[in-house]
Amino acid sequence: MKNLSRSEFKIPSRPTKILQFGNGNFLRGFADWMVEIANEKGLLDSNIQVVQIHSKNSDPRIKQPEGLFHVIERGQR
């Protein structure tokens, strides 16, 4: 999968209103996705700040792609 970079996307500047403890797949793939949908629909204007709770070291899987990640949807057509 292609590496992500903030320079490739037009990401609007938003205030951080959500403090998220943990960066697991469920949070990133469901909860964070729902926040993005709410932002796109104009129902919310917020970024998410993630706090890593199990290690003092930053997770390179989050840090390297500048906090961006892919979400792959699968299910009924």
C-alpha atoms as a PDB file:
ATOM      1  CA  MET A   1       0.000   0.000   0.000  1.00  0.00           C
ATOM      2  CA  LYS A   2       1.283   3.470  -0.840  1.00  0.00           C
ATOM      3  CA  ASN A   3       2.849   5.499   1.990  1.00  0.00           C
ATOM      4  CA  LEU A   4       0.841   8.534   3.003  1.00  0.00           C
ATOM      5  CA  SER A   5       2.093  12.104   3.311  1.00  0.00           C
ATOM      6  CA  ARG A   6       0.250  15.242   4.409  1.00  0.00           C
ATOM      7  CA  SER A   7       1.775  17.121   1.452  1.00  0.00           C
ATOM      8  CA  GLU A   8      -0.351  14.984  -0.917  1.00  0.00           C
ATOM      9  CA  PHE A   9      -3.697  15.948   0.634  1.00  0.00           C
ATOM     10  CA  LYS A  10      -5.638  19.135   1.284  1.00  0.00           C
ATOM     11  CA  ILE A  11      -6.244  18.682   4.993  1.00  0.00           C
ATOM     12  CA  PRO A  12      -8.203  21.508   6.597  1.00  0.00           C
ATOM     13  CA  SER A  13      -6.873  23.048   9.776  1.00  0.00           C
ATOM     14  CA  ARG A  14      -9.180  22.143  12.662  1.00  0.00           C
ATOM     15  CA  PRO A  15      -8.987  22.666  16.416  1.00  0.00           C
ATOM     16  CA  THR A  16      -8.254  19.623  18.553  1.00  0.00           C
ATOM     17  CA  LYS A  17     -11.350  18.858  20.605  1.00  0.00           C
ATOM     18  CA  ILE A  18     -10.935  15.096  21.068  1.00  0.00           C
ATOM     19  CA  LEU A  19      -8.288  13.441  23.233  1.00  0.00           C
ATOM     20  CA  GLN A  20      -8.099   9.745  22.352  1.00  0.00           C
ATOM     21  CA  PHE A  21      -6.360   7.277  24.663  1.00  0.00           C
ATOM     22  CA  GLY A  22      -4.846   4.561  22.472  1.00  0.00           C
ATOM     23  CA  ASN A  23      -4.370   4.096  18.743  1.00  0.00           C
ATOM     24  CA  GLY A  24      -5.759   0.623  18.141  1.00  0.00           C
ATOM     25  CA  ASN A  25      -7.340  -0.550  14.916  1.00  0.00           C
ATOM     26  CA  PHE A  26     -10.911  -0.203  16.193  1.00  0.00           C
ATOM     27  CA  LEU A  27     -10.421   3.388  17.274  1.00  0.00           C
ATOM     28  CA  ARG A  28      -8.672   4.368  14.048  1.00  0.00           C
ATOM     29  CA  GLY A  29     -10.917   2.379  11.726  1.00  0.00           C
ATOM     30  CA  PHE A  30     -14.293   3.098  13.315  1.00  0.00           C
ATOM     31  CA  ALA A  31     -14.332   5.887  15.899  1.00  0.00           C
ATOM     32  CA  ASP A  32     -11.872   8.166  14.063  1.00  0.00           C
ATOM     33  CA  TRP A  33     -13.604   7.408  10.766  1.00  0.00           C
ATOM     34  CA  MET A  34     -16.939   8.528  12.273  1.00  0.00           C
ATOM     35  CA  VAL A  35     -15.333  11.801  13.405  1.00  0.00           C
ATOM     36  CA  GLU A  36     -14.039  12.338   9.857  1.00  0.00           C
ATOM     37  CA  ILE A  37     -17.528  11.746   8.415  1.00  0.00           C
ATOM     38  CA  ALA A  38     -19.001  14.239  10.913  1.00  0.00           C
ATOM     39  CA  ASN A  39     -16.310  16.763   9.898  1.00  0.00           C
ATOM     40  CA  GLU A  40     -17.093  16.268   6.205  1.00  0.00           C
ATOM     41  CA  LYS A  41     -20.841  16.769   6.805  1.00  0.00           C
ATOM     42  CA  GLY A  42     -20.258  19.958   8.801  1.00  0.00           C
ATOM     43  CA  LEU A  43     -21.569  18.428  12.036  1.00  0.00           C
ATOM     44  CA  LEU A  44     -18.219  18.708  13.799  1.00  0.00           C
ATOM     45  CA  ASP A  45     -15.034  20.740  13.419  1.00  0.00           C
ATOM     46  CA  SER A  46     -12.354  18.797  15.250  1.00  0.00           C
ATOM     47  CA  ASN A  47      -9.043  17.015  15.019  1.00  0.00           C
ATOM     48  CA  ILE A  48      -8.118  14.104  17.270  1.00  0.00           C
ATOM     49  CA  GLN A  49      -5.018  14.047  19.466  1.00  0.00           C
ATOM     50  CA  VAL A  50      -3.914  10.494  20.262  1.00  0.00           C
ATOM     51  CA  VAL A  51      -2.222   9.610  23.543  1.00  0.00           C
ATOM     52  CA  GLN A  52      -0.258   6.375  23.446  1.00  0.00           C
ATOM     53  CA  ILE A  53      -0.786   4.654  26.781  1.00  0.00           C
ATOM     54  CA  HIS A  54       1.322   1.464  26.666  1.00  0.00           C
ATOM     55  CA  SER A  55       4.744   2.831  25.765  1.00  0.00           C
ATOM     56  CA  LYS A  56       6.862   5.953  26.143  1.00  0.00           C
ATOM     57  CA  ASN A  57       8.091   5.507  22.560  1.00  0.00           C
ATOM     58  CA  SER A  58       6.041   6.776  19.640  1.00  0.00           C
ATOM     59  CA  ASP A  59       4.528   4.078  17.463  1.00  0.00           C
ATOM     60  CA  PRO A  60       6.387   4.300  14.108  1.00  0.00           C
ATOM     61  CA  ARG A  61       3.283   2.962  12.293  1.00  0.00           C
ATOM     62  CA  ILE A  62       1.482   6.181  13.286  1.00  0.00           C
ATOM     63  CA  LYS A  63       4.404   8.618  13.275  1.00  0.00           C
ATOM     64  CA  GLN A  64       5.976   7.673   9.907  1.00  0.00           C
ATOM     65  CA  PRO A  65       2.874   8.422   7.768  1.00  0.00           C
ATOM     66  CA  GLU A  66       2.396  11.730   9.641  1.00  0.00           C
ATOM     67  CA  GLY A  67      -0.619  10.457  11.568  1.00  0.00           C
ATOM     68  CA  LEU A  68      -2.487   9.407   8.419  1.00  0.00           C
ATOM     69  CA  PHE A  69      -3.805   5.912   7.819  1.00  0.00           C
ATOM     70  CA  HIS A  70      -5.786   3.893   5.297  1.00  0.00           C
ATOM     71  CA  VAL A  71      -9.267   2.576   6.067  1.00  0.00           C
ATOM     72  CA  ILE A  72     -10.408  -0.346   3.937  1.00  0.00           C
ATOM     73  CA  GLU A  73     -14.142  -1.000   3.939  1.00  0.00           C
ATOM     74  CA  ARG A  74     -15.481  -4.485   3.329  1.00  0.00           C
ATOM     75  CA  GLY A  75     -18.982  -5.802   3.654  1.00  0.00           C
ATOM     76  CA  GLN A  76     -22.278  -6.147   1.873  1.00  0.00           C
ATOM     77  CA  ARG A  77     -22.645  -4.561  -1.541  1.00  0.00           C
END
